[in-house]
Amino acid sequence: MVLKLNLFYEMLLAEIGNVEPFQVDLNLPGRLDASYVDKDGTKKVPVMLQEHYLVL
């Protein structure tokens, strides 16, 4: 499952700008067999954040 978030902000001159979108990917770390060991010693799958830059 991938969640895509678009954030908007108001610039100083009251123009609406778009912050670059980023995605929260819950599947790719498991497919890559990525893991970490938590402080209690259990193996967990991380959450991946992907950011996309747009240059205009």
N, C-alpha and C. Protein backbone atom coordinates (compact mmCIF):
# COMPACT_ATOMS: atom_id res chain seq x y z
N MET A 1 0.85 -1.17 0.00
CA MET A 1 0.00 0.00 0.00
C MET A 1 0.89 1.24 0.00
N VAL A 2 0.59 2.19 -0.86
CA VAL A 2 1.33 3.44 -0.94
C VAL A 2 0.37 4.59 -0.68
N LEU A 3 0.71 5.43 0.27
CA LEU A 3 -0.09 6.62 0.57
C LEU A 3 0.62 7.82 -0.03
N LYS A 4 -0.07 8.60 -0.84
CA LYS A 4 0.53 9.76 -1.46
C LYS A 4 -0.07 11.01 -0.82
N LEU A 5 0.79 11.88 -0.33
CA LEU A 5 0.33 13.09 0.35
C LEU A 5 0.81 14.31 -0.43
N ASN A 6 -0.09 15.22 -0.72
CA ASN A 6 0.26 16.50 -1.31
C ASN A 6 -0.03 17.58 -0.27
N LEU A 7 0.97 18.36 0.05
CA LEU A 7 0.81 19.42 1.04
C LEU A 7 0.82 20.77 0.33
N PHE A 8 -0.01 21.66 0.78
CA PHE A 8 -0.06 23.00 0.22
C PHE A 8 0.31 24.01 1.29
N TYR A 9 0.95 25.08 0.89
CA TYR A 9 1.32 26.11 1.84
C TYR A 9 1.04 27.48 1.22
N GLU A 10 0.90 28.46 2.05
CA GLU A 10 0.63 29.80 1.58
C GLU A 10 1.92 30.61 1.67
N MET A 11 2.33 31.16 0.54
CA MET A 11 3.57 31.92 0.49
C MET A 11 3.35 33.33 1.04
N LEU A 12 4.42 34.07 1.23
CA LEU A 12 4.35 35.40 1.84
C LEU A 12 3.46 36.37 1.07
N LEU A 13 3.42 36.24 -0.23
CA LEU A 13 2.64 37.17 -1.05
C LEU A 13 1.25 36.63 -1.36
N ALA A 14 0.75 35.76 -0.52
CA ALA A 14 -0.60 35.18 -0.64
C ALA A 14 -0.76 34.35 -1.91
N GLU A 15 0.33 33.82 -2.43
CA GLU A 15 0.24 32.91 -3.57
C GLU A 15 0.19 31.49 -3.01
N ILE A 16 -0.51 30.63 -3.69
CA ILE A 16 -0.58 29.25 -3.26
C ILE A 16 0.53 28.48 -3.97
N GLY A 17 1.33 27.79 -3.20
CA GLY A 17 2.42 26.99 -3.76
C GLY A 17 2.21 25.53 -3.40
N ASN A 18 2.87 24.66 -4.12
CA ASN A 18 2.74 23.23 -3.89
C ASN A 18 4.05 22.69 -3.33
N VAL A 19 4.00 22.09 -2.15
CA VAL A 19 5.16 21.42 -1.60
C VAL A 19 5.32 20.11 -2.36
N GLU A 20 6.55 19.72 -2.60
CA GLU A 20 6.80 18.50 -3.38
C GLU A 20 6.14 17.30 -2.69
N PRO A 21 5.47 16.45 -3.46
CA PRO A 21 4.76 15.32 -2.86
C PRO A 21 5.73 14.26 -2.33
N PHE A 22 5.31 13.57 -1.32
CA PHE A 22 6.07 12.43 -0.84
C PHE A 22 5.10 11.27 -0.61
N GLN A 23 5.65 10.07 -0.64
CA GLN A 23 4.83 8.88 -0.50
C GLN A 23 5.30 8.06 0.69
N VAL A 24 4.36 7.46 1.38
CA VAL A 24 4.66 6.53 2.46
C VAL A 24 4.42 5.13 1.89
N ASP A 25 5.50 4.36 1.72
CA ASP A 25 5.42 3.04 1.09
C ASP A 25 5.53 1.97 2.16
N LEU A 26 4.49 1.15 2.29
CA LEU A 26 4.48 0.08 3.29
C LEU A 26 4.85 -1.27 2.70
N ASN A 27 4.87 -1.41 1.36
CA ASN A 27 5.14 -2.70 0.71
C ASN A 27 6.58 -2.89 0.29
N LEU A 28 7.22 -1.86 -0.25
CA LEU A 28 8.55 -2.01 -0.83
C LEU A 28 9.60 -2.49 0.17
N PRO A 29 9.64 -2.01 1.41
CA PRO A 29 10.64 -2.53 2.34
C PRO A 29 10.53 -4.04 2.57
N GLY A 30 9.32 -4.56 2.60
CA GLY A 30 9.13 -6.00 2.75
C GLY A 30 9.59 -6.76 1.52
N ARG A 31 9.35 -6.21 0.33
CA ARG A 31 9.80 -6.85 -0.91
C ARG A 31 11.31 -6.82 -1.04
N LEU A 32 11.95 -5.79 -0.46
CA LEU A 32 13.41 -5.70 -0.49
C LEU A 32 14.05 -6.48 0.67
N ASP A 33 13.24 -7.10 1.50
CA ASP A 33 13.69 -7.83 2.68
C ASP A 33 14.45 -6.92 3.64
N ALA A 34 14.02 -5.66 3.73
CA ALA A 34 14.64 -4.70 4.65
C ALA A 34 14.05 -4.92 6.04
N SER A 35 14.90 -4.84 7.04
CA SER A 35 14.43 -5.01 8.41
C SER A 35 15.41 -4.34 9.37
N TYR A 36 14.95 -4.18 10.60
CA TYR A 36 15.80 -3.68 11.67
C TYR A 36 15.40 -4.38 12.96
N VAL A 37 16.29 -4.34 13.93
CA VAL A 37 16.02 -4.96 15.22
C VAL A 37 15.65 -3.86 16.20
N ASP A 38 14.47 -3.98 16.78
CA ASP A 38 13.96 -3.00 17.73
C ASP A 38 14.72 -3.12 19.06
N LYS A 39 14.52 -2.15 19.94
CA LYS A 39 15.24 -2.16 21.22
C LYS A 39 14.89 -3.35 22.11
N ASP A 40 13.72 -3.96 21.86
CA ASP A 40 13.36 -5.15 22.63
C ASP A 40 13.81 -6.44 21.95
N GLY A 41 14.55 -6.33 20.84
CA GLY A 41 15.14 -7.49 20.18
C GLY A 41 14.28 -8.13 19.11
N THR A 42 13.13 -7.56 18.78
CA THR A 42 12.28 -8.13 17.74
C THR A 42 12.63 -7.53 16.38
N LYS A 43 12.53 -8.36 15.35
CA LYS A 43 12.82 -7.93 13.98
C LYS A 43 11.57 -7.26 13.41
N LYS A 44 11.74 -6.06 12.85
CA LYS A 44 10.60 -5.31 12.30
C LYS A 44 10.92 -4.82 10.89
N VAL A 45 9.86 -4.60 10.12
CA VAL A 45 9.99 -4.07 8.76
C VAL A 45 9.79 -2.55 8.82
N PRO A 46 10.71 -1.78 8.24
CA PRO A 46 10.58 -0.32 8.30
C PRO A 46 9.53 0.22 7.33
N VAL A 47 9.21 1.48 7.49
CA VAL A 47 8.33 2.21 6.56
C VAL A 47 9.24 3.08 5.70
N MET A 48 9.00 3.11 4.39
CA MET A 48 9.85 3.87 3.48
C MET A 48 9.14 5.17 3.09
N LEU A 49 9.86 6.28 3.18
CA LEU A 49 9.36 7.57 2.72
C LEU A 49 10.06 7.91 1.41
N GLN A 50 9.28 8.25 0.40
CA GLN A 50 9.84 8.62 -0.90
C GLN A 50 9.42 10.05 -1.20
N GLU A 51 10.40 10.88 -1.55
CA GLU A 51 10.11 12.27 -1.88
C GLU A 51 10.46 12.52 -3.34
N HIS A 52 9.62 13.26 -4.03
CA HIS A 52 9.80 13.54 -5.45
C HIS A 52 9.95 15.04 -5.64
N TYR A 53 11.00 15.43 -6.31
CA TYR A 53 11.27 16.84 -6.54
C TYR A 53 10.83 17.25 -7.94
N LEU A 54 10.21 18.41 -8.03
CA LEU A 54 9.82 18.98 -9.31
C LEU A 54 10.56 20.30 -9.48
N VAL A 55 11.25 20.45 -10.58
CA VAL A 55 11.97 21.70 -10.85
C VAL A 55 11.25 22.41 -11.98
N LEU A 56 10.78 23.60 -11.70
CA LEU A 56 10.04 24.37 -12.72
C LEU A 56 10.89 25.51 -13.22
